[in-house]
């Protein structure tokens, strides 16, 4: 008796070839051994503890994803900060006000653009520290890293639009489409 393969995950199956010339007793013995072997392989394994524990007990996933979304939008478009914040929908208050002005065919208020620029800048700084701390094994944490590279030193737009990196980013976006759903 030989094992030919497993079915899909949703339906655990095994395909067997059974020699006709064996006795029933020997077939049942081999069958039981094969089933025991297959079941031991497919048993649910106990999850291993993570290498790094989460830094905080309470998580606010919505704000974490909001900062990461802002960071990726900044990397994807080379526009003024207020425009990045507007396109990312970072501030519901200022995004709505600027959106209304743009729909009316008017230039958005300079004060609103400046405030959205400040909020976007702060959000990008938090996103950067979130990424830096995660790279050092502390997630989520917005604490300032002493050895962090200044965000202005990296030309994110150029890095993202580099041929190979753009392919990697598009693959990542394809795998996680809900993070970047239109706002």
C-alpha atoms as a PDB file:
ATOM      1  CA  UNK A   1       0.000   0.000   0.000  1.00  0.00           C
ATOM      2  CA  UNK A   2       1.444   3.354  -0.997  1.00  0.00           C
ATOM      3  CA  UNK A   3       0.421   6.913  -0.304  1.00  0.00           C
ATOM      4  CA  UNK A   4      -0.150   8.997  -3.451  1.00  0.00           C
ATOM      5  CA  UNK A   5      -0.955  12.462  -2.078  1.00  0.00           C
ATOM      6  CA  UNK A   6      -3.098  14.798   0.029  1.00  0.00           C
ATOM      7  CA  UNK A   7      -6.128  16.763  -1.109  1.00  0.00           C
ATOM      8  CA  UNK A   8      -6.768  20.436  -0.432  1.00  0.00           C
ATOM      9  CA  UNK A   9      -6.580  21.979   3.027  1.00  0.00           C
ATOM     10  CA  UNK A  10     -10.362  22.317   3.198  1.00  0.00           C
ATOM     11  CA  UNK A  11     -10.830  18.619   2.530  1.00  0.00           C
ATOM     12  CA  UNK A  12      -8.165  16.407   4.098  1.00  0.00           C
ATOM     13  CA  UNK A  13      -7.980  13.389   1.829  1.00  0.00           C
ATOM     14  CA  UNK A  14      -5.444  10.757   0.899  1.00  0.00           C
ATOM     15  CA  UNK A  15      -5.291   8.753  -2.306  1.00  0.00           C
ATOM     16  CA  UNK A  16      -4.015   5.221  -1.819  1.00  0.00           C
ATOM     17  CA  UNK A  17      -2.996   2.456  -4.169  1.00  0.00           C
ATOM     18  CA  UNK A  18      -3.942  -0.920  -2.743  1.00  0.00           C
ATOM     19  CA  UNK A  19      -2.298  -4.108  -4.008  1.00  0.00           C
ATOM     20  CA  UNK A  20      -4.950  -6.765  -4.578  1.00  0.00           C
ATOM     21  CA  UNK A  21      -2.703  -9.740  -3.799  1.00  0.00           C
ATOM     22  CA  UNK A  22      -2.256  -8.882  -0.047  1.00  0.00           C
ATOM     23  CA  UNK A  23      -4.340 -10.473   2.670  1.00  0.00           C
ATOM     24  CA  UNK A  24      -7.054  -8.429   4.409  1.00  0.00           C
ATOM     25  CA  UNK A  25      -5.196  -8.645   7.702  1.00  0.00           C
ATOM     26  CA  UNK A  26      -1.966  -7.252   6.205  1.00  0.00           C
ATOM     27  CA  UNK A  27      -3.905  -4.547   4.300  1.00  0.00           C
ATOM     28  CA  UNK A  28      -5.699  -3.417   7.484  1.00  0.00           C
ATOM     29  CA  UNK A  29      -2.385  -3.371   9.399  1.00  0.00           C
ATOM     30  CA  UNK A  30      -0.669  -1.279   6.719  1.00  0.00           C
ATOM     31  CA  UNK A  31      -3.735   0.961   6.386  1.00  0.00           C
ATOM     32  CA  UNK A  32      -3.801   1.659  10.148  1.00  0.00           C
ATOM     33  CA  UNK A  33      -0.068   2.439  10.164  1.00  0.00           C
ATOM     34  CA  UNK A  34      -0.465   4.806   7.206  1.00  0.00           C
ATOM     35  CA  UNK A  35      -3.465   6.594   8.767  1.00  0.00           C
ATOM     36  CA  UNK A  36      -1.594   6.987  12.085  1.00  0.00           C
ATOM     37  CA  UNK A  37       1.385   8.444  10.218  1.00  0.00           C
ATOM     38  CA  UNK A  38      -0.773  10.875   8.212  1.00  0.00           C
ATOM     39  CA  UNK A  39      -2.754  12.008  11.246  1.00  0.00           C
ATOM     40  CA  UNK A  40       0.411  12.679  13.249  1.00  0.00           C
ATOM     41  CA  UNK A  41       1.722  14.838  10.382  1.00  0.00           C
ATOM     42  CA  UNK A  42      -1.482  16.871  10.138  1.00  0.00           C
ATOM     43  CA  UNK A  43      -2.003  17.455  13.870  1.00  0.00           C
ATOM     44  CA  UNK A  44      -2.353  21.064  14.889  1.00  0.00           C
ATOM     45  CA  UNK A  45       0.981  22.291  16.129  1.00  0.00           C
ATOM     46  CA  UNK A  46       1.215  24.511  19.196  1.00  0.00           C
ATOM     47  CA  UNK A  47       2.094  28.076  18.168  1.00  0.00           C
ATOM     48  CA  UNK A  48       5.548  29.238  19.148  1.00  0.00           C
ATOM     49  CA  UNK A  49       5.826  32.408  21.217  1.00  0.00           C
ATOM     50  CA  UNK A  50       6.813  35.409  19.052  1.00  0.00           C
ATOM     51  CA  UNK A  51      10.439  36.461  19.029  1.00  0.00           C
ATOM     52  CA  UNK A  52       9.421  40.021  19.909  1.00  0.00           C
ATOM     53  CA  UNK A  53       6.454  40.848  22.113  1.00  0.00           C
ATOM     54  CA  UNK A  54       4.172  43.795  21.398  1.00  0.00           C
ATOM     55  CA  UNK A  55       5.319  46.894  23.252  1.00  0.00           C
ATOM     56  CA  UNK A  56       1.861  47.893  24.482  1.00  0.00           C
ATOM     57  CA  UNK A  57      -1.104  45.868  25.599  1.00  0.00           C
ATOM     58  CA  UNK A  58      -3.779  48.117  24.087  1.00  0.00           C
ATOM     59  CA  UNK A  59      -3.565  48.442  20.336  1.00  0.00           C
ATOM     60  CA  UNK A  60      -5.251  51.011  18.169  1.00  0.00           C
ATOM     61  CA  UNK A  61      -4.963  49.319  14.788  1.00  0.00           C
ATOM     62  CA  UNK A  62      -6.920  52.026  13.009  1.00  0.00           C
ATOM     63  CA  UNK A  63      -4.423  54.758  13.885  1.00  0.00           C
ATOM     64  CA  UNK A  64      -1.445  52.482  13.160  1.00  0.00           C
ATOM     65  CA  UNK A  65      -2.787  51.770   9.692  1.00  0.00           C
ATOM     66  CA  UNK A  66      -3.626  55.448   9.231  1.00  0.00           C
ATOM     67  CA  UNK A  67       0.007  56.420   9.840  1.00  0.00           C
ATOM     68  CA  UNK A  68       1.353  53.656   7.605  1.00  0.00           C
ATOM     69  CA  UNK A  69      -1.094  54.630   4.857  1.00  0.00           C
ATOM     70  CA  UNK A  70       0.075  58.241   5.096  1.00  0.00           C
ATOM     71  CA  UNK A  71       3.690  57.113   4.905  1.00  0.00           C
ATOM     72  CA  UNK A  72       3.088  55.059   1.757  1.00  0.00           C
ATOM     73  CA  UNK A  73       1.057  57.819   0.130  1.00  0.00           C
ATOM     74  CA  UNK A  74       3.965  60.192   0.757  1.00  0.00           C
ATOM     75  CA  UNK A  75       6.308  57.698  -0.859  1.00  0.00           C
ATOM     76  CA  UNK A  76       3.995  57.215  -3.835  1.00  0.00           C
ATOM     77  CA  UNK A  77       3.373  60.858  -4.738  1.00  0.00           C
ATOM     78  CA  UNK A  78       5.738  63.792  -4.961  1.00  0.00           C
ATOM     79  CA  UNK A  79       3.478  66.668  -3.955  1.00  0.00           C
ATOM     80  CA  UNK A  80       3.363  69.258  -1.145  1.00  0.00           C
ATOM     81  CA  UNK A  81       2.606  67.874   2.312  1.00  0.00           C
ATOM     82  CA  UNK A  82      -0.876  69.378   2.486  1.00  0.00           C
ATOM     83  CA  UNK A  83      -1.745  67.595  -0.772  1.00  0.00           C
ATOM     84  CA  UNK A  84      -0.401  64.272   0.549  1.00  0.00           C
ATOM     85  CA  UNK A  85      -2.478  64.687   3.704  1.00  0.00           C
ATOM     86  CA  UNK A  86      -5.514  65.576   1.612  1.00  0.00           C
ATOM     87  CA  UNK A  87      -5.139  62.572  -0.723  1.00  0.00           C
ATOM     88  CA  UNK A  88      -4.535  60.244   2.234  1.00  0.00           C
ATOM     89  CA  UNK A  89      -7.595  61.644   4.020  1.00  0.00           C
ATOM     90  CA  UNK A  90      -5.437  62.156   7.080  1.00  0.00           C
ATOM     91  CA  UNK A  91      -7.615  64.828   8.729  1.00  0.00           C
ATOM     92  CA  UNK A  92     -11.347  64.527   8.245  1.00  0.00           C
ATOM     93  CA  UNK A  93     -11.844  68.198   9.172  1.00  0.00           C
ATOM     94  CA  UNK A  94      -9.339  69.744   6.781  1.00  0.00           C
ATOM     95  CA  UNK A  95      -9.824  67.154   4.046  1.00  0.00           C
ATOM     96  CA  UNK A  96     -13.555  67.948   3.926  1.00  0.00           C
ATOM     97  CA  UNK A  97     -12.950  71.717   3.871  1.00  0.00           C
ATOM     98  CA  UNK A  98     -10.302  71.489   1.140  1.00  0.00           C
ATOM     99  CA  UNK A  99     -12.419  69.042  -0.844  1.00  0.00           C
ATOM    100  CA  UNK A 100     -15.365  71.439  -0.780  1.00  0.00           C
ATOM    101  CA  UNK A 101     -13.169  74.282  -2.022  1.00  0.00           C
ATOM    102  CA  UNK A 102     -11.678  72.177  -4.815  1.00  0.00           C
ATOM    103  CA  UNK A 103     -15.116  70.964  -5.929  1.00  0.00           C
ATOM    104  CA  UNK A 104     -16.286  74.574  -6.063  1.00  0.00           C
ATOM    105  CA  UNK A 105     -13.346  75.356  -8.335  1.00  0.00           C
ATOM    106  CA  UNK A 106     -11.680  77.597  -5.745  1.00  0.00           C
ATOM    107  CA  UNK A 107      -8.218  77.579  -4.272  1.00  0.00           C
ATOM    108  CA  UNK A 108      -8.279  76.044  -0.758  1.00  0.00           C
ATOM    109  CA  UNK A 109      -7.779  78.441   2.150  1.00  0.00           C
ATOM    110  CA  UNK A 110      -4.063  78.982   2.888  1.00  0.00           C
ATOM    111  CA  UNK A 111      -4.675  78.562   6.631  1.00  0.00           C
ATOM    112  CA  UNK A 112      -6.358  75.174   6.103  1.00  0.00           C
ATOM    113  CA  UNK A 113      -3.552  74.039   3.816  1.00  0.00           C
ATOM    114  CA  UNK A 114      -0.949  75.117   6.392  1.00  0.00           C
ATOM    115  CA  UNK A 115      -2.720  73.277   9.223  1.00  0.00           C
ATOM    116  CA  UNK A 116      -3.088  70.128   7.141  1.00  0.00           C
ATOM    117  CA  UNK A 117       0.596  70.430   6.225  1.00  0.00           C
ATOM    118  CA  UNK A 118       1.527  70.544   9.931  1.00  0.00           C
ATOM    119  CA  UNK A 119      -0.708  67.559  10.763  1.00  0.00           C
ATOM    120  CA  UNK A 120       0.720  65.599   7.832  1.00  0.00           C
ATOM    121  CA  UNK A 121       4.281  66.411   8.875  1.00  0.00           C
ATOM    122  CA  UNK A 122       3.596  65.205  12.424  1.00  0.00           C
ATOM    123  CA  UNK A 123       1.882  62.100  11.085  1.00  0.00           C
ATOM    124  CA  UNK A 124       4.838  61.278   8.850  1.00  0.00           C
ATOM    125  CA  UNK A 125       7.232  61.722  11.778  1.00  0.00           C
ATOM    126  CA  UNK A 126       5.132  59.310  13.858  1.00  0.00           C
ATOM    127  CA  UNK A 127       4.966  56.818  10.982  1.00  0.00           C
ATOM    128  CA  UNK A 128       8.730  57.022  10.571  1.00  0.00           C
ATOM    129  CA  UNK A 129       9.347  56.379  14.274  1.00  0.00           C
ATOM    130  CA  UNK A 130       6.836  53.529  14.158  1.00  0.00           C
ATOM    131  CA  UNK A 131       8.825  51.933  11.317  1.00  0.00           C
ATOM    132  CA  UNK A 132      12.214  52.626  12.943  1.00  0.00           C
ATOM    133  CA  UNK A 133      11.125  51.131  16.270  1.00  0.00           C
ATOM    134  CA  UNK A 134       9.595  48.106  14.529  1.00  0.00           C
ATOM    135  CA  UNK A 135      12.922  47.541  12.767  1.00  0.00           C
ATOM    136  CA  UNK A 136      14.585  47.525  16.201  1.00  0.00           C
ATOM    137  CA  UNK A 137      12.085  45.037  17.647  1.00  0.00           C
ATOM    138  CA  UNK A 138       9.722  47.381  19.500  1.00  0.00           C
ATOM    139  CA  UNK A 139       6.273  47.526  17.964  1.00  0.00           C
ATOM    140  CA  UNK A 140       4.167  49.595  18.185  1.00  0.00           C
ATOM    141  CA  UNK A 141       6.109  52.487  19.593  1.00  0.00           C
ATOM    142  CA  UNK A 142       6.322  56.128  18.567  1.00  0.00           C
ATOM    143  CA  UNK A 143       9.326  56.812  20.831  1.00  0.00           C
ATOM    144  CA  UNK A 144      12.135  58.769  19.229  1.00  0.00           C
ATOM    145  CA  UNK A 145      15.039  56.570  18.018  1.00  0.00           C
ATOM    146  CA  UNK A 146      18.484  58.010  18.510  1.00  0.00           C
ATOM    147  CA  UNK A 147      19.997  56.262  15.477  1.00  0.00           C
ATOM    148  CA  UNK A 148      17.112  56.913  13.097  1.00  0.00           C
ATOM    149  CA  UNK A 149      17.946  58.234   9.657  1.00  0.00           C
ATOM    150  CA  UNK A 150      16.279  61.565   8.962  1.00  0.00           C
ATOM    151  CA  UNK A 151      13.295  61.102   6.711  1.00  0.00           C
ATOM    152  CA  UNK A 152      14.365  64.026   4.515  1.00  0.00           C
ATOM    153  CA  UNK A 153      17.622  62.219   3.720  1.00  0.00           C
ATOM    154  CA  UNK A 154      15.758  59.492   1.903  1.00  0.00           C
ATOM    155  CA  UNK A 155      14.186  60.395  -1.396  1.00  0.00           C
ATOM    156  CA  UNK A 156      11.191  58.146  -0.894  1.00  0.00           C
ATOM    157  CA  UNK A 157       9.532  59.090  -4.151  1.00  0.00           C
ATOM    158  CA  UNK A 158      12.605  58.099  -6.161  1.00  0.00           C
ATOM    159  CA  UNK A 159      13.061  54.877  -4.187  1.00  0.00           C
ATOM    160  CA  UNK A 160       9.453  53.803  -4.702  1.00  0.00           C
ATOM    161  CA  UNK A 161       9.511  54.629  -8.389  1.00  0.00           C
ATOM    162  CA  UNK A 162      12.704  52.704  -8.972  1.00  0.00           C
ATOM    163  CA  UNK A 163      11.810  49.860 -11.371  1.00  0.00           C
ATOM    164  CA  UNK A 164      12.486  46.906  -9.039  1.00  0.00           C
ATOM    165  CA  UNK A 165      11.132  48.532  -5.904  1.00  0.00           C
ATOM    166  CA  UNK A 166       7.955  49.612  -7.679  1.00  0.00           C
ATOM    167  CA  UNK A 167       7.316  45.979  -8.605  1.00  0.00           C
ATOM    168  CA  UNK A 168       7.838  44.923  -4.982  1.00  0.00           C
ATOM    169  CA  UNK A 169       5.511  47.661  -3.736  1.00  0.00           C
ATOM    170  CA  UNK A 170       2.793  46.784  -6.241  1.00  0.00           C
ATOM    171  CA  UNK A 171       3.026  43.139  -5.146  1.00  0.00           C
ATOM    172  CA  UNK A 172       2.715  44.236  -1.517  1.00  0.00           C
ATOM    173  CA  UNK A 173      -0.270  46.429  -2.370  1.00  0.00           C
ATOM    174  CA  UNK A 174      -1.862  43.505  -4.200  1.00  0.00           C
ATOM    175  CA  UNK A 175      -1.471  41.320  -1.095  1.00  0.00           C
ATOM    176  CA  UNK A 176      -2.857  43.958   1.268  1.00  0.00           C
ATOM    177  CA  UNK A 177      -5.464  45.900  -0.729  1.00  0.00           C
ATOM    178  CA  UNK A 178      -7.626  46.789   2.277  1.00  0.00           C
ATOM    179  CA  UNK A 179      -4.897  48.981   3.749  1.00  0.00           C
ATOM    180  CA  UNK A 180      -4.983  51.313   0.780  1.00  0.00           C
ATOM    181  CA  UNK A 181      -8.665  51.366  -0.105  1.00  0.00           C
ATOM    182  CA  UNK A 182      -9.766  54.706  -1.474  1.00  0.00           C
ATOM    183  CA  UNK A 183     -11.008  57.198   1.091  1.00  0.00           C
END
